[in-house]
Amino acid sequence: MYPNNRFPTNLQSLQGLRVLVVDNNADFCHLITVLLQPYGVQVQTASLAQQALKIFVQWQPDVLVSGIALPNEDGYALIQQVRTKAGERGEVVLAIAVTGYVNEKMLQRALCAGFDLWLIKPLDFDEFLVVLACLAICQQSSYAIAQRILGHVPRHGELSLEKQLELGFPS
């Protein structure tokens, strides 16, 4: 997959991204954490939907990566609760379903329930990193555009990049 066990290093859009990984397989959660942390991604994990929802409310991640077959409540129930909570706060959270089960009906159900994407286990880590980086770029761009439309962020050129960073504006 990676020559000489070296991961790609040009995924700067992942820096500072907050990802909540939910799966009842502790090894999977650990692997995703180990994969993402070198890119500056903050990761928290949960094995149950209710545990994940508590973390979601308190920590407010940018991306949810969740299995479908969770104990007690499944990933479908979790994503519906996440969408409700995010909507109450006026936020958009990207959500990726990750599962070993593959059929068209489940895919449609996941997308209808509120997941943005569906990835199949075992994950292709190259694909996962690139998808996550693309989602991060889209999310950052969408936020910046929305803020400019609403008049909360000066247009590019009105403030220097240094001043925008100092004030906390996305560039």
N, C-alpha and C. Protein backbone atom coordinates (compact mmCIF):
# COMPACT_ATOMS: atom_id res chain seq x y z
N MET A 1 0.82 -1.18 0.00
CA MET A 1 0.00 0.00 0.00
C MET A 1 0.87 1.25 0.00
N TYR A 2 1.78 1.37 0.97
CA TYR A 2 2.71 2.49 1.03
C TYR A 2 4.12 1.95 0.92
N PRO A 3 4.90 2.47 -0.03
CA PRO A 3 6.28 1.99 -0.14
C PRO A 3 7.06 2.33 1.13
N ASN A 4 7.82 1.39 1.61
CA ASN A 4 8.65 1.58 2.80
C ASN A 4 7.85 2.00 4.03
N ASN A 5 6.58 1.61 4.08
CA ASN A 5 5.70 1.93 5.21
C ASN A 5 5.60 3.43 5.50
N ARG A 6 5.63 4.24 4.46
CA ARG A 6 5.51 5.69 4.63
C ARG A 6 4.15 6.13 4.13
N PHE A 7 3.41 6.79 5.01
CA PHE A 7 2.11 7.31 4.62
C PHE A 7 2.29 8.62 3.86
N PRO A 8 1.31 8.99 3.03
CA PRO A 8 1.41 10.27 2.32
C PRO A 8 1.44 11.41 3.35
N THR A 9 2.17 12.47 3.03
CA THR A 9 2.32 13.56 3.99
C THR A 9 1.69 14.86 3.50
N ASN A 10 1.02 14.86 2.39
CA ASN A 10 0.48 16.08 1.83
C ASN A 10 -1.02 16.24 2.09
N LEU A 11 -1.46 15.87 3.23
CA LEU A 11 -2.89 15.97 3.57
C LEU A 11 -3.10 17.02 4.66
N GLN A 12 -2.66 18.24 4.37
CA GLN A 12 -2.71 19.32 5.36
C GLN A 12 -4.13 19.70 5.74
N SER A 13 -5.11 19.41 4.90
CA SER A 13 -6.49 19.77 5.22
C SER A 13 -7.03 18.98 6.41
N LEU A 14 -6.34 17.92 6.79
CA LEU A 14 -6.77 17.12 7.94
C LEU A 14 -6.36 17.75 9.27
N GLN A 15 -5.39 18.65 9.24
CA GLN A 15 -4.87 19.27 10.46
C GLN A 15 -6.01 19.92 11.26
N GLY A 16 -6.15 19.50 12.52
CA GLY A 16 -7.16 20.08 13.41
C GLY A 16 -8.56 19.51 13.26
N LEU A 17 -8.76 18.63 12.31
CA LEU A 17 -10.07 18.02 12.11
C LEU A 17 -10.43 17.17 13.33
N ARG A 18 -11.68 17.20 13.74
CA ARG A 18 -12.14 16.44 14.90
C ARG A 18 -13.02 15.30 14.39
N VAL A 19 -12.59 14.06 14.65
CA VAL A 19 -13.28 12.89 14.13
C VAL A 19 -13.71 11.99 15.29
N LEU A 20 -14.98 11.66 15.31
CA LEU A 20 -15.52 10.71 16.28
C LEU A 20 -15.70 9.37 15.57
N VAL A 21 -15.00 8.34 16.05
CA VAL A 21 -15.06 7.00 15.47
C VAL A 21 -15.89 6.12 16.39
N VAL A 22 -16.93 5.51 15.84
CA VAL A 22 -17.83 4.67 16.63
C VAL A 22 -17.86 3.27 16.02
N ASP A 23 -17.40 2.32 16.80
CA ASP A 23 -17.41 0.93 16.34
C ASP A 23 -17.24 0.04 17.56
N ASN A 24 -17.92 -1.10 17.56
CA ASN A 24 -17.78 -2.01 18.69
C ASN A 24 -16.51 -2.86 18.61
N ASN A 25 -15.74 -2.68 17.55
CA ASN A 25 -14.45 -3.35 17.40
C ASN A 25 -13.36 -2.38 17.87
N ALA A 26 -12.82 -2.62 19.07
CA ALA A 26 -11.81 -1.73 19.65
C ALA A 26 -10.57 -1.63 18.78
N ASP A 27 -10.20 -2.72 18.12
CA ASP A 27 -9.02 -2.69 17.24
C ASP A 27 -9.23 -1.75 16.07
N PHE A 28 -10.43 -1.73 15.50
CA PHE A 28 -10.74 -0.83 14.40
C PHE A 28 -10.62 0.63 14.86
N CYS A 29 -11.19 0.93 16.01
CA CYS A 29 -11.11 2.29 16.55
C CYS A 29 -9.66 2.70 16.78
N HIS A 30 -8.88 1.80 17.34
CA HIS A 30 -7.47 2.09 17.60
C HIS A 30 -6.70 2.30 16.29
N LEU A 31 -6.96 1.48 15.31
CA LEU A 31 -6.28 1.59 14.02
C LEU A 31 -6.58 2.93 13.35
N ILE A 32 -7.84 3.34 13.36
CA ILE A 32 -8.21 4.62 12.76
C ILE A 32 -7.52 5.76 13.51
N THR A 33 -7.48 5.66 14.83
CA THR A 33 -6.82 6.69 15.64
C THR A 33 -5.34 6.79 15.29
N VAL A 34 -4.67 5.64 15.23
CA VAL A 34 -3.24 5.61 14.90
C VAL A 34 -3.00 6.14 13.48
N LEU A 35 -3.90 5.86 12.57
CA LEU A 35 -3.77 6.32 11.19
C LEU A 35 -3.92 7.84 11.09
N LEU A 36 -4.87 8.41 11.83
CA LEU A 36 -5.20 9.82 11.67
C LEU A 36 -4.35 10.78 12.49
N GLN A 37 -3.91 10.37 13.66
CA GLN A 37 -3.19 11.29 14.54
C GLN A 37 -1.93 11.91 13.93
N PRO A 38 -1.15 11.18 13.13
CA PRO A 38 0.04 11.82 12.53
C PRO A 38 -0.30 13.00 11.61
N TYR A 39 -1.54 13.09 11.16
CA TYR A 39 -1.96 14.18 10.29
C TYR A 39 -2.56 15.35 11.07
N GLY A 40 -2.48 15.28 12.39
CA GLY A 40 -3.01 16.36 13.22
C GLY A 40 -4.50 16.25 13.47
N VAL A 41 -5.07 15.10 13.20
CA VAL A 41 -6.50 14.89 13.44
C VAL A 41 -6.71 14.54 14.91
N GLN A 42 -7.70 15.17 15.51
CA GLN A 42 -8.09 14.84 16.87
C GLN A 42 -9.15 13.74 16.78
N VAL A 43 -8.95 12.65 17.50
CA VAL A 43 -9.85 11.51 17.41
C VAL A 43 -10.36 11.13 18.79
N GLN A 44 -11.64 10.88 18.86
CA GLN A 44 -12.23 10.26 20.04
C GLN A 44 -13.00 9.05 19.55
N THR A 45 -13.12 8.03 20.41
CA THR A 45 -13.77 6.80 20.01
C THR A 45 -14.86 6.41 21.00
N ALA A 46 -15.80 5.63 20.50
CA ALA A 46 -16.88 5.09 21.32
C ALA A 46 -17.25 3.73 20.75
N SER A 47 -17.78 2.86 21.62
CA SER A 47 -18.19 1.54 21.15
C SER A 47 -19.70 1.37 21.14
N LEU A 48 -20.42 2.29 21.74
CA LEU A 48 -21.88 2.25 21.81
C LEU A 48 -22.47 3.57 21.30
N ALA A 49 -23.66 3.50 20.74
CA ALA A 49 -24.32 4.70 20.20
C ALA A 49 -24.55 5.75 21.28
N GLN A 50 -25.03 5.35 22.45
CA GLN A 50 -25.31 6.33 23.51
C GLN A 50 -24.02 6.99 24.02
N GLN A 51 -22.95 6.22 24.12
CA GLN A 51 -21.65 6.78 24.50
C GLN A 51 -21.20 7.78 23.43
N ALA A 52 -21.37 7.43 22.17
CA ALA A 52 -20.99 8.30 21.06
C ALA A 52 -21.80 9.59 21.08
N LEU A 53 -23.09 9.50 21.37
CA LEU A 53 -23.94 10.68 21.39
C LEU A 53 -23.50 11.65 22.49
N LYS A 54 -23.12 11.13 23.65
CA LYS A 54 -22.62 11.99 24.73
C LYS A 54 -21.34 12.70 24.29
N ILE A 55 -20.43 11.97 23.68
CA ILE A 55 -19.19 12.57 23.20
C ILE A 55 -19.51 13.61 22.13
N PHE A 56 -20.43 13.28 21.24
CA PHE A 56 -20.82 14.19 20.17
C PHE A 56 -21.32 15.52 20.72
N VAL A 57 -22.19 15.46 21.71
CA VAL A 57 -22.78 16.67 22.28
C VAL A 57 -21.70 17.51 22.98
N GLN A 58 -20.83 16.88 23.73
CA GLN A 58 -19.81 17.61 24.49
C GLN A 58 -18.65 18.09 23.62
N TRP A 59 -18.20 17.27 22.70
CA TRP A 59 -16.97 17.53 21.95
C TRP A 59 -17.20 18.22 20.61
N GLN A 60 -18.35 18.03 20.01
CA GLN A 60 -18.74 18.63 18.74
C GLN A 60 -17.74 18.33 17.60
N PRO A 61 -17.64 17.07 17.19
CA PRO A 61 -16.70 16.71 16.11
C PRO A 61 -17.15 17.25 14.76
N ASP A 62 -16.20 17.28 13.83
CA ASP A 62 -16.48 17.70 12.46
C ASP A 62 -17.01 16.54 11.63
N VAL A 63 -16.53 15.33 11.95
CA VAL A 63 -16.86 14.14 11.16
C VAL A 63 -17.19 12.99 12.10
N LEU A 64 -18.23 12.26 11.75
CA LEU A 64 -18.60 11.03 12.44
C LEU A 64 -18.27 9.86 11.51
N VAL A 65 -17.49 8.91 12.00
CA VAL A 65 -17.21 7.67 11.27
C VAL A 65 -17.81 6.57 12.13
N SER A 66 -18.87 5.93 11.63
CA SER A 66 -19.60 4.99 12.47
C SER A 66 -19.89 3.68 11.77
N GLY A 67 -19.75 2.62 12.54
CA GLY A 67 -20.21 1.32 12.09
C GLY A 67 -21.73 1.30 12.10
N ILE A 68 -22.30 0.34 11.42
CA ILE A 68 -23.76 0.20 11.39
C ILE A 68 -24.22 -0.78 12.46
N ALA A 69 -23.56 -1.91 12.58
CA ALA A 69 -23.96 -2.95 13.53
C ALA A 69 -23.32 -2.68 14.89
N LEU A 70 -23.99 -1.85 15.66
CA LEU A 70 -23.54 -1.53 17.02
C LEU A 70 -24.46 -2.22 18.02
N PRO A 71 -23.96 -2.55 19.21
CA PRO A 71 -24.82 -3.16 20.23
C PRO A 71 -25.89 -2.17 20.70
N ASN A 72 -27.01 -2.67 21.11
CA ASN A 72 -28.14 -1.89 21.65
C ASN A 72 -28.82 -1.02 20.58
N GLU A 73 -28.19 0.05 20.15
CA GLU A 73 -28.72 0.89 19.09
C GLU A 73 -27.75 0.84 17.92
N ASP A 74 -28.27 0.72 16.71
CA ASP A 74 -27.39 0.61 15.55
C ASP A 74 -26.97 1.98 15.03
N GLY A 75 -26.12 1.97 14.03
CA GLY A 75 -25.61 3.20 13.44
C GLY A 75 -26.70 4.05 12.79
N TYR A 76 -27.77 3.42 12.33
CA TYR A 76 -28.89 4.18 11.75
C TYR A 76 -29.54 5.06 12.82
N ALA A 77 -29.77 4.50 14.00
CA ALA A 77 -30.36 5.27 15.09
C ALA A 77 -29.40 6.38 15.53
N LEU A 78 -28.11 6.06 15.57
CA LEU A 78 -27.12 7.05 15.98
C LEU A 78 -27.11 8.24 15.03
N ILE A 79 -27.07 7.99 13.73
CA ILE A 79 -26.96 9.10 12.79
C ILE A 79 -28.21 9.98 12.85
N GLN A 80 -29.36 9.41 13.07
CA GLN A 80 -30.57 10.22 13.19
C GLN A 80 -30.50 11.14 14.41
N GLN A 81 -29.98 10.62 15.52
CA GLN A 81 -29.83 11.43 16.72
C GLN A 81 -28.76 12.51 16.52
N VAL A 82 -27.68 12.15 15.85
CA VAL A 82 -26.61 13.12 15.56
C VAL A 82 -27.15 14.24 14.68
N ARG A 83 -27.91 13.89 13.65
CA ARG A 83 -28.47 14.91 12.76
C ARG A 83 -29.42 15.84 13.52
N THR A 84 -30.20 15.29 14.42
CA THR A 84 -31.11 16.10 15.23
C THR A 84 -30.32 17.07 16.11
N LYS A 85 -29.32 16.56 16.83
CA LYS A 85 -28.50 17.40 17.72
C LYS A 85 -27.76 18.48 16.93
N ALA A 86 -27.17 18.10 15.81
CA ALA A 86 -26.44 19.08 14.99
C ALA A 86 -27.39 20.14 14.46
N GLY A 87 -28.58 19.73 14.04
CA GLY A 87 -29.58 20.67 13.54
C GLY A 87 -30.01 21.66 14.60
N GLU A 88 -30.14 21.20 15.83
CA GLU A 88 -30.50 22.09 16.94
C GLU A 88 -29.44 23.17 17.15
N ARG A 89 -28.19 22.83 16.86
CA ARG A 89 -27.10 23.80 17.02
C ARG A 89 -26.83 24.57 15.73
N GLY A 90 -27.55 24.24 14.67
CA GLY A 90 -27.35 24.90 13.39
C GLY A 90 -26.04 24.51 12.74
N GLU A 91 -25.59 23.29 12.98
CA GLU A 91 -24.32 22.81 12.45
C GLU A 91 -24.52 21.69 11.45
N VAL A 92 -23.51 21.50 10.64
CA VAL A 92 -23.49 20.39 9.71
C VAL A 92 -22.32 19.49 10.09
N VAL A 93 -22.59 18.23 10.27
CA VAL A 93 -21.55 17.26 10.59
C VAL A 93 -21.51 16.23 9.47
N LEU A 94 -20.34 15.98 8.96
CA LEU A 94 -20.19 14.97 7.93
C LEU A 94 -20.21 13.60 8.57
N ALA A 95 -20.84 12.64 7.92
CA ALA A 95 -20.98 11.30 8.51
C ALA A 95 -20.66 10.23 7.48
N ILE A 96 -19.78 9.31 7.90
CA ILE A 96 -19.36 8.20 7.05
C ILE A 96 -19.74 6.90 7.72
N ALA A 97 -20.53 6.08 7.04
CA ALA A 97 -20.86 4.74 7.54
C ALA A 97 -19.74 3.80 7.11
N VAL A 98 -19.30 2.98 8.04
CA VAL A 98 -18.25 2.00 7.75
C VAL A 98 -18.76 0.65 8.22
N THR A 99 -18.83 -0.31 7.30
CA THR A 99 -19.38 -1.61 7.67
C THR A 99 -18.83 -2.71 6.78
N GLY A 100 -18.91 -3.91 7.28
CA GLY A 100 -18.50 -5.07 6.49
C GLY A 100 -19.66 -5.65 5.71
N TYR A 101 -20.87 -5.17 5.97
CA TYR A 101 -22.05 -5.66 5.27
C TYR A 101 -22.21 -4.90 3.97
N VAL A 102 -22.47 -5.64 2.90
CA VAL A 102 -22.56 -5.00 1.60
C VAL A 102 -23.81 -5.46 0.88
N ASN A 103 -24.76 -4.56 0.72
CA ASN A 103 -25.86 -4.77 -0.21
C ASN A 103 -26.53 -3.44 -0.49
N GLU A 104 -27.18 -3.36 -1.62
CA GLU A 104 -27.77 -2.10 -2.09
C GLU A 104 -28.82 -1.57 -1.13
N LYS A 105 -29.62 -2.44 -0.54
CA LYS A 105 -30.68 -2.01 0.38
C LYS A 105 -30.10 -1.32 1.61
N MET A 106 -29.03 -1.88 2.17
CA MET A 106 -28.39 -1.28 3.34
C MET A 106 -27.74 0.06 2.98
N LEU A 107 -27.14 0.12 1.80
CA LEU A 107 -26.54 1.37 1.35
C LEU A 107 -27.60 2.46 1.26
N GLN A 108 -28.72 2.16 0.62
CA GLN A 108 -29.80 3.13 0.50
C GLN A 108 -30.34 3.54 1.87
N ARG A 109 -30.48 2.57 2.76
CA ARG A 109 -30.97 2.87 4.11
C ARG A 109 -30.01 3.80 4.85
N ALA A 110 -28.71 3.55 4.72
CA ALA A 110 -27.71 4.39 5.39
C ALA A 110 -27.75 5.82 4.86
N LEU A 111 -27.85 5.96 3.56
CA LEU A 111 -27.90 7.30 2.97
C LEU A 111 -29.20 8.01 3.34
N CYS A 112 -30.30 7.29 3.34
CA CYS A 112 -31.58 7.88 3.73
C CYS A 112 -31.61 8.25 5.21
N ALA A 113 -30.92 7.47 6.04
CA ALA A 113 -30.88 7.75 7.48
C ALA A 113 -30.06 9.00 7.79
N GLY A 114 -29.14 9.38 6.89
CA GLY A 114 -28.39 10.60 7.13
C GLY A 114 -26.89 10.51 6.95
N PHE A 115 -26.37 9.34 6.60
CA PHE A 115 -24.94 9.24 6.32
C PHE A 115 -24.66 9.88 4.97
N ASP A 116 -23.49 10.51 4.87
CA ASP A 116 -23.09 11.14 3.61
C ASP A 116 -22.38 10.17 2.68
N LEU A 117 -21.64 9.23 3.28
CA LEU A 117 -20.86 8.26 2.50
C LEU A 117 -20.93 6.90 3.15
N TRP A 118 -20.55 5.89 2.38
CA TRP A 118 -20.55 4.50 2.83
C TRP A 118 -19.23 3.89 2.41
N LEU A 119 -18.45 3.40 3.36
CA LEU A 119 -17.20 2.71 3.04
C LEU A 119 -17.27 1.29 3.58
N ILE A 120 -16.62 0.39 2.89
CA ILE A 120 -16.70 -1.03 3.23
C ILE A 120 -15.42 -1.48 3.93
N LYS A 121 -15.60 -2.25 5.00
CA LYS A 121 -14.46 -2.87 5.70
C LYS A 121 -14.04 -4.10 4.92
N PRO A 122 -12.79 -4.43 4.89
CA PRO A 122 -11.69 -3.65 5.46
C PRO A 122 -11.47 -2.40 4.63
N LEU A 123 -11.18 -1.30 5.34
CA LEU A 123 -10.99 -0.02 4.68
C LEU A 123 -9.73 -0.01 3.82
N ASP A 124 -9.84 0.63 2.70
CA ASP A 124 -8.67 0.98 1.90
C ASP A 124 -8.21 2.31 2.50
N PHE A 125 -7.11 2.29 3.26
CA PHE A 125 -6.70 3.48 4.00
C PHE A 125 -6.31 4.64 3.10
N ASP A 126 -5.76 4.35 1.92
CA ASP A 126 -5.48 5.43 0.97
C ASP A 126 -6.77 6.16 0.62
N GLU A 127 -7.79 5.39 0.27
CA GLU A 127 -9.08 5.96 -0.09
C GLU A 127 -9.68 6.71 1.09
N PHE A 128 -9.62 6.12 2.27
CA PHE A 128 -10.19 6.74 3.46
C PHE A 128 -9.54 8.10 3.75
N LEU A 129 -8.22 8.15 3.70
CA LEU A 129 -7.51 9.41 3.96
C LEU A 129 -7.87 10.47 2.92
N VAL A 130 -7.90 10.09 1.67
CA VAL A 130 -8.22 11.05 0.61
C VAL A 130 -9.66 11.53 0.73
N VAL A 131 -10.58 10.62 1.00
CA VAL A 131 -11.99 11.00 1.17
C VAL A 131 -12.13 11.96 2.35
N LEU A 132 -11.49 11.65 3.45
CA LEU A 132 -11.55 12.50 4.63
C LEU A 132 -10.96 13.88 4.34
N ALA A 133 -9.83 13.92 3.65
CA ALA A 133 -9.21 15.20 3.29
C ALA A 133 -10.12 16.02 2.38
N CYS A 134 -10.74 15.37 1.41
CA CYS A 134 -11.67 16.07 0.51
C CYS A 134 -12.87 16.61 1.27
N LEU A 135 -13.41 15.80 2.18
CA LEU A 135 -14.54 16.27 2.99
C LEU A 135 -14.15 17.46 3.84
N ALA A 136 -12.95 17.43 4.40
CA ALA A 136 -12.47 18.54 5.23
C ALA A 136 -12.36 19.82 4.40
N ILE A 137 -11.81 19.71 3.19
CA ILE A 137 -11.68 20.87 2.31
C ILE A 137 -13.06 21.42 1.96
N CYS A 138 -13.98 20.54 1.60
CA CYS A 138 -15.34 20.97 1.25
C CYS A 138 -16.02 21.65 2.43
N GLN A 139 -15.85 21.08 3.62
CA GLN A 139 -16.47 21.65 4.81
C GLN A 139 -15.89 23.03 5.10
N GLN A 140 -14.57 23.17 5.04
CA GLN A 140 -13.94 24.46 5.31
C GLN A 140 -14.36 25.49 4.27
N SER A 141 -14.41 25.09 3.01
CA SER A 141 -14.81 26.01 1.94
C SER A 141 -16.26 26.43 2.10
N SER A 142 -17.13 25.49 2.41
CA SER A 142 -18.55 25.80 2.60
C SER A 142 -18.75 26.77 3.74
N TYR A 143 -18.01 26.56 4.83
CA TYR A 143 -18.12 27.45 5.99
C TYR A 143 -17.69 28.86 5.61
N ALA A 144 -16.56 28.97 4.93
CA ALA A 144 -16.04 30.28 4.54
C ALA A 144 -17.01 30.99 3.60
N ILE A 145 -17.55 30.26 2.64
CA ILE A 145 -18.50 30.85 1.70
C ILE A 145 -19.76 31.31 2.42
N ALA A 146 -20.30 30.47 3.29
CA ALA A 146 -21.51 30.84 4.03
C ALA A 146 -21.28 32.07 4.90
N GLN A 147 -20.14 32.12 5.57
CA GLN A 147 -19.85 33.27 6.41
C GLN A 147 -19.72 34.54 5.60
N ARG A 148 -19.12 34.46 4.43
CA ARG A 148 -18.98 35.64 3.58
C ARG A 148 -20.34 36.09 3.06
N ILE A 149 -21.19 35.14 2.70
CA ILE A 149 -22.54 35.48 2.22
C ILE A 149 -23.32 36.17 3.33
N LEU A 150 -23.17 35.67 4.53
CA LEU A 150 -23.89 36.25 5.67
C LEU A 150 -23.24 37.54 6.17
N GLY A 151 -22.09 37.88 5.63
CA GLY A 151 -21.43 39.12 5.99
C GLY A 151 -20.61 39.08 7.26
N HIS A 152 -20.32 37.89 7.76
CA HIS A 152 -19.57 37.78 9.01
C HIS A 152 -18.06 37.73 8.82
N VAL A 153 -17.61 37.52 7.61
CA VAL A 153 -16.19 37.39 7.36
C VAL A 153 -15.81 38.37 6.25
N PRO A 154 -14.79 39.15 6.48
CA PRO A 154 -14.35 40.06 5.41
C PRO A 154 -13.95 39.28 4.17
N ARG A 155 -14.16 39.89 3.03
CA ARG A 155 -13.76 39.26 1.77
C ARG A 155 -12.24 39.18 1.71
N HIS A 156 -11.78 38.20 0.92
CA HIS A 156 -10.34 38.02 0.74
C HIS A 156 -9.72 39.33 0.26
N GLY A 157 -8.67 39.75 0.90
CA GLY A 157 -8.02 40.98 0.50
C GLY A 157 -8.35 42.14 1.42
N GLU A 158 -9.49 42.08 2.12
CA GLU A 158 -9.83 43.15 3.04
C GLU A 158 -8.95 43.09 4.29
N LEU A 159 -8.57 41.89 4.68
CA LEU A 159 -7.64 41.70 5.78
C LEU A 159 -6.51 40.80 5.32
N SER A 160 -5.34 41.03 5.84
CA SER A 160 -4.23 40.14 5.51
C SER A 160 -4.50 38.76 6.09
N LEU A 161 -3.81 37.75 5.55
CA LEU A 161 -3.95 36.39 6.05
C LEU A 161 -3.58 36.34 7.53
N GLU A 162 -2.53 37.06 7.91
CA GLU A 162 -2.11 37.07 9.31
C GLU A 162 -3.21 37.62 10.20
N LYS A 163 -3.86 38.69 9.75
CA LYS A 163 -4.94 39.31 10.55
C LYS A 163 -6.15 38.37 10.62
N GLN A 164 -6.46 37.69 9.51
CA GLN A 164 -7.57 36.74 9.52
C GLN A 164 -7.29 35.62 10.51
N LEU A 165 -6.05 35.11 10.51
CA LEU A 165 -5.71 34.04 11.45
C LEU A 165 -5.76 34.53 12.89
N GLU A 166 -5.29 35.76 13.10
CA GLU A 166 -5.31 36.35 14.44
C GLU A 166 -6.74 36.48 14.95
N LEU A 167 -7.65 36.85 14.06
CA LEU A 167 -9.06 37.04 14.44
C LEU A 167 -9.85 35.75 14.41
N GLY A 168 -9.25 34.66 13.91
CA GLY A 168 -9.92 33.37 13.87
C GLY A 168 -10.79 33.16 12.65
N PHE A 169 -10.61 33.95 11.61
CA PHE A 169 -11.39 33.78 10.38
C PHE A 169 -10.75 32.72 9.52
N PRO A 170 -11.57 31.90 8.84
CA PRO A 170 -11.00 30.97 7.87
C PRO A 170 -10.47 31.74 6.68
N SER A 171 -9.35 31.32 6.13
CA SER A 171 -8.78 32.03 4.98
C SER A 171 -9.40 31.58 3.70
